[in-house]
N, C-alpha and C. Protein backbone atom coordinates (compact mmCIF):
# COMPACT_ATOMS: atom_id res chain seq x y z
N MET A 1 2.25 -7.00 11.89
CA MET A 1 3.17 -6.72 12.39
C MET A 1 4.95 -6.25 11.55
N PRO A 2 5.47 -6.11 11.99
CA PRO A 2 6.80 -5.56 11.25
C PRO A 2 7.30 -7.02 10.97
N TYR A 3 8.42 -6.67 9.69
CA TYR A 3 9.26 -7.80 9.56
C TYR A 3 10.33 -7.12 9.23
N ARG A 4 11.83 -7.25 9.33
CA ARG A 4 13.31 -7.11 9.79
C ARG A 4 13.58 -7.63 8.83
N PHE A 5 15.00 -6.83 8.21
CA PHE A 5 15.80 -7.96 6.88
C PHE A 5 17.14 -7.45 7.43
N THR A 6 17.97 -8.15 7.83
CA THR A 6 19.32 -6.96 8.29
C THR A 6 19.80 -8.20 7.98
N SER A 7 21.16 -6.86 6.57
CA SER A 7 22.35 -8.45 6.96
C SER A 7 23.16 -8.41 6.71
N ALA A 8 24.06 -9.50 6.62
CA ALA A 8 25.10 -9.31 7.35
C ALA A 8 26.99 -8.13 6.68
N SER A 9 26.02 -7.87 5.97
CA SER A 9 27.43 -7.10 6.27
C SER A 9 28.05 -5.95 7.53
N ALA A 10 29.04 -5.58 6.89
CA ALA A 10 30.10 -4.74 8.34
C ALA A 10 29.04 -3.67 8.87
N ASP A 11 28.16 -2.92 7.97
CA ASP A 11 27.34 -1.46 8.55
C ASP A 11 26.33 -1.70 9.37
N ARG A 12 25.56 -2.95 9.29
CA ARG A 12 24.17 -4.08 9.81
C ARG A 12 23.15 -3.18 8.63
N SER A 13 23.34 -3.03 7.02
CA SER A 13 22.14 -2.49 6.21
C SER A 13 21.26 -2.59 7.05
N ALA A 14 19.68 -2.26 7.18
CA ALA A 14 18.06 -3.55 7.33
C ALA A 14 17.39 -2.90 6.58
N LEU A 15 16.15 -3.27 6.34
CA LEU A 15 15.00 -3.24 5.78
C LEU A 15 13.76 -3.33 6.42
N THR A 16 13.46 -2.52 6.80
CA THR A 16 12.06 -2.97 7.78
C THR A 16 10.49 -2.14 7.10
N ALA A 17 9.66 -3.73 7.23
CA ALA A 17 8.65 -2.96 6.55
C ALA A 17 6.79 -3.57 7.20
N GLU A 18 6.21 -2.70 7.52
CA GLU A 18 5.30 -2.62 8.63
C GLU A 18 3.93 -1.50 8.24
N PRO A 19 2.97 -2.46 8.64
CA PRO A 19 1.25 -1.70 7.40
C PRO A 19 0.86 -0.49 8.48
N VAL A 20 0.52 0.66 6.66
CA VAL A 20 0.61 1.91 7.74
C VAL A 20 -1.20 2.34 6.83
N VAL A 21 -1.51 3.09 6.62
CA VAL A 21 -2.31 3.62 6.61
C VAL A 21 -2.33 4.93 5.80
N LEU A 22 -2.31 4.55 4.57
CA LEU A 22 -2.23 6.26 3.64
C LEU A 22 -3.40 7.39 3.23
N TYR A 23 -3.55 8.83 4.52
CA TYR A 23 -4.28 9.04 4.76
C TYR A 23 -5.57 8.48 5.27
N PRO A 24 -4.82 8.04 5.86
CA PRO A 24 -5.94 8.04 7.08
C PRO A 24 -7.09 9.20 7.87
N GLY A 25 -8.82 8.78 7.38
CA GLY A 25 -10.23 9.83 8.23
C GLY A 25 -10.44 10.81 7.03
N THR A 26 -9.57 10.18 6.13
CA THR A 26 -10.31 10.38 4.76
C THR A 26 -11.13 9.90 3.76
N ASP A 27 -11.79 10.50 2.43
CA ASP A 27 -12.24 9.05 2.08
C ASP A 27 -11.27 8.54 0.69
N ARG A 28 -10.06 9.16 1.32
CA ARG A 28 -8.98 8.44 0.44
C ARG A 28 -8.04 7.81 0.71
N ALA A 29 -8.32 7.01 2.24
CA ALA A 29 -7.42 6.31 2.75
C ALA A 29 -7.29 5.31 2.11
N GLN A 30 -6.00 4.81 2.71
CA GLN A 30 -5.81 3.23 1.93
C GLN A 30 -4.59 2.70 2.75
N PRO A 31 -4.69 1.05 2.69
CA PRO A 31 -4.33 0.35 3.10
C PRO A 31 -2.03 0.45 2.37
N ALA A 32 -1.58 0.51 3.13
CA ALA A 32 0.00 0.24 3.09
C ALA A 32 0.57 -0.55 3.40
N VAL A 33 1.95 -0.10 2.53
CA VAL A 33 3.21 -0.64 3.56
C VAL A 33 4.01 -0.09 3.75
N ALA A 34 4.60 0.88 4.52
CA ALA A 34 5.87 1.23 4.83
C ALA A 34 7.32 0.49 5.12
N VAL A 35 8.23 1.04 3.61
CA VAL A 35 9.77 0.01 3.93
C VAL A 35 10.55 1.08 3.74
N ARG A 36 11.39 1.16 5.01
CA ARG A 36 12.14 1.75 5.47
C ARG A 36 14.00 1.31 5.16
N ILE A 37 14.29 1.48 4.57
CA ILE A 37 15.81 0.70 4.17
C ILE A 37 17.02 1.90 5.27
N ARG A 38 18.13 1.34 5.76
CA ARG A 38 19.02 1.42 6.09
C ARG A 38 20.01 1.52 6.25
N SER A 39 21.51 2.00 5.89
CA SER A 39 22.67 1.98 5.56
C SER A 39 23.57 2.88 6.42
N GLY A 40 24.42 2.08 6.89
CA GLY A 40 25.22 3.26 7.64
C GLY A 40 24.14 4.11 8.16
N GLY A 41 24.71 5.06 8.37
CA GLY A 41 23.79 6.35 8.80
C GLY A 41 23.04 7.06 8.62
N ARG A 42 21.69 6.70 7.38
CA ARG A 42 20.99 7.08 6.02
C ARG A 42 20.17 6.10 6.47
N SER A 43 19.08 5.93 5.65
CA SER A 43 17.79 6.36 6.28
C SER A 43 16.81 7.21 5.09
N CYS A 44 16.07 6.02 4.16
CA CYS A 44 15.11 6.27 3.29
C CYS A 44 13.29 6.01 3.57
N MET A 45 12.96 5.95 3.27
CA MET A 45 11.18 5.52 3.12
C MET A 45 10.18 5.76 2.38
N LEU A 46 10.07 4.70 1.48
CA LEU A 46 9.27 4.19 0.91
C LEU A 46 7.79 3.96 1.06
N TYR A 47 6.56 4.39 0.28
CA TYR A 47 5.09 3.23 1.19
C TYR A 47 4.85 3.02 -0.29
N VAL A 48 4.49 1.81 0.16
CA VAL A 48 3.91 0.82 -1.00
C VAL A 48 2.90 0.20 -1.11
N THR A 49 1.34 1.08 -2.08
CA THR A 49 0.13 0.45 -1.99
C THR A 49 0.41 -0.90 -1.87
N LEU A 50 -1.25 -1.26 -0.98
CA LEU A 50 -1.34 -3.00 -1.46
C LEU A 50 -1.30 -3.74 -3.09
N ASP A 51 -2.04 -3.07 -3.98
CA ASP A 51 -1.78 -3.99 -5.24
C ASP A 51 -0.67 -3.86 -5.56
N ARG A 52 0.30 -2.80 -5.50
CA ARG A 52 1.33 -2.77 -6.07
C ARG A 52 2.36 -3.04 -5.11
N VAL A 53 2.85 -4.03 -4.35
CA VAL A 53 3.33 -4.89 -3.37
C VAL A 53 4.17 -6.04 -4.27
N ASP A 54 3.31 -6.76 -5.02
CA ASP A 54 3.06 -7.88 -5.50
C ASP A 54 4.45 -7.20 -6.99
N GLU A 55 4.78 -6.19 -7.78
CA GLU A 55 4.80 -5.42 -8.19
C GLU A 55 6.11 -4.68 -7.91
N LEU A 56 6.41 -5.19 -6.93
CA LEU A 56 7.86 -4.66 -5.94
C LEU A 56 8.59 -6.15 -6.00
N ILE A 57 8.24 -6.30 -5.30
CA ILE A 57 8.01 -8.01 -5.09
C ILE A 57 8.93 -8.87 -5.56
N THR A 58 8.14 -8.74 -6.67
CA THR A 58 8.46 -9.40 -8.29
C THR A 58 9.03 -8.66 -8.63
N GLY A 59 9.53 -7.34 -8.68
CA GLY A 59 11.26 -6.74 -9.53
C GLY A 59 12.75 -7.03 -8.67
N ILE A 60 12.00 -6.95 -7.12
CA ILE A 60 13.03 -7.26 -7.01
C ILE A 60 13.69 -8.48 -7.37
N ALA A 61 12.68 -9.51 -7.39
CA ALA A 61 13.64 -10.41 -7.26
C ALA A 61 13.66 -11.21 -8.86
N ASP A 62 13.50 -10.65 -9.35
CA ASP A 62 13.77 -10.24 -11.06
C ASP A 62 15.31 -10.05 -11.36
N THR A 63 15.88 -8.33 -10.23
CA THR A 63 17.16 -7.94 -10.07
C THR A 63 17.81 -8.71 -9.80
N ALA A 64 17.25 -9.77 -8.73
CA ALA A 64 17.78 -10.59 -8.26
C ALA A 64 18.66 -11.90 -8.79
N ARG A 65 18.02 -12.49 -9.70
CA ARG A 65 17.99 -13.20 -11.14
C ARG A 65 19.31 -13.08 -11.82
N THR A 66 18.88 -12.17 -12.04
CA THR A 66 20.13 -11.37 -13.28
C THR A 66 21.15 -10.89 -12.85
N ALA A 67 21.20 -10.70 -11.78
CA ALA A 67 22.50 -10.12 -10.95
C ALA A 67 23.70 -11.90 -10.96
N ALA A 68 22.21 -13.21 -10.22
CA ALA A 68 23.05 -14.23 -9.75
C ALA A 68 23.55 -13.70 -11.80
N ALA A 69 22.89 -14.08 -12.57
CA ALA A 69 23.01 -14.90 -14.07
C ALA A 69 24.08 -14.32 -14.72
N ASP A 70 24.47 -12.71 -14.32
CA ASP A 70 25.60 -12.06 -14.66
C ASP A 70 26.95 -12.01 -13.47
N PHE A 71 26.81 -12.63 -12.50
CA PHE A 71 28.07 -12.82 -11.91
C PHE A 71 28.83 -14.29 -12.20
N HIS A 72 29.94 -13.73 -11.89
CA HIS A 72 31.01 -14.83 -12.70
C HIS A 72 32.38 -14.50 -11.75
N PRO A 73 33.02 -15.57 -10.26
CA PRO A 73 33.40 -16.11 -9.83
C PRO A 73 34.90 -15.51 -10.27
N GLY A 74 35.64 -14.20 -10.19
CA GLY A 74 36.86 -14.19 -10.53
C GLY A 74 37.55 -14.28 -11.49
N ALA A 75 36.74 -13.93 -12.52
CA ALA A 75 36.50 -12.95 -14.30
C ALA A 75 37.14 -11.63 -13.91
C-alpha cells in the first residue's frame, strides 16, 4: 500500500513511498521501498532496502530535531 505525504506549500511538494522488489526474478531479489520526492516540476526516486529504512527515518528525525533546536523566530 503506497504512503503519500503532501506539504502545505504552494508548490504542493510531495513524498510517495511504495513497496518494490529490486532485481526481481534473480537470486539477488530483495524487498525495498521506492521513495519519490516531487517538488515543483521536478522529481527524483530513491530506493531503500528494508534493512536501511530505520536508518533513513532516524536520520530524518534527527535532522528535524536539529532544525527545531536551531530555529529562533524573529532572530
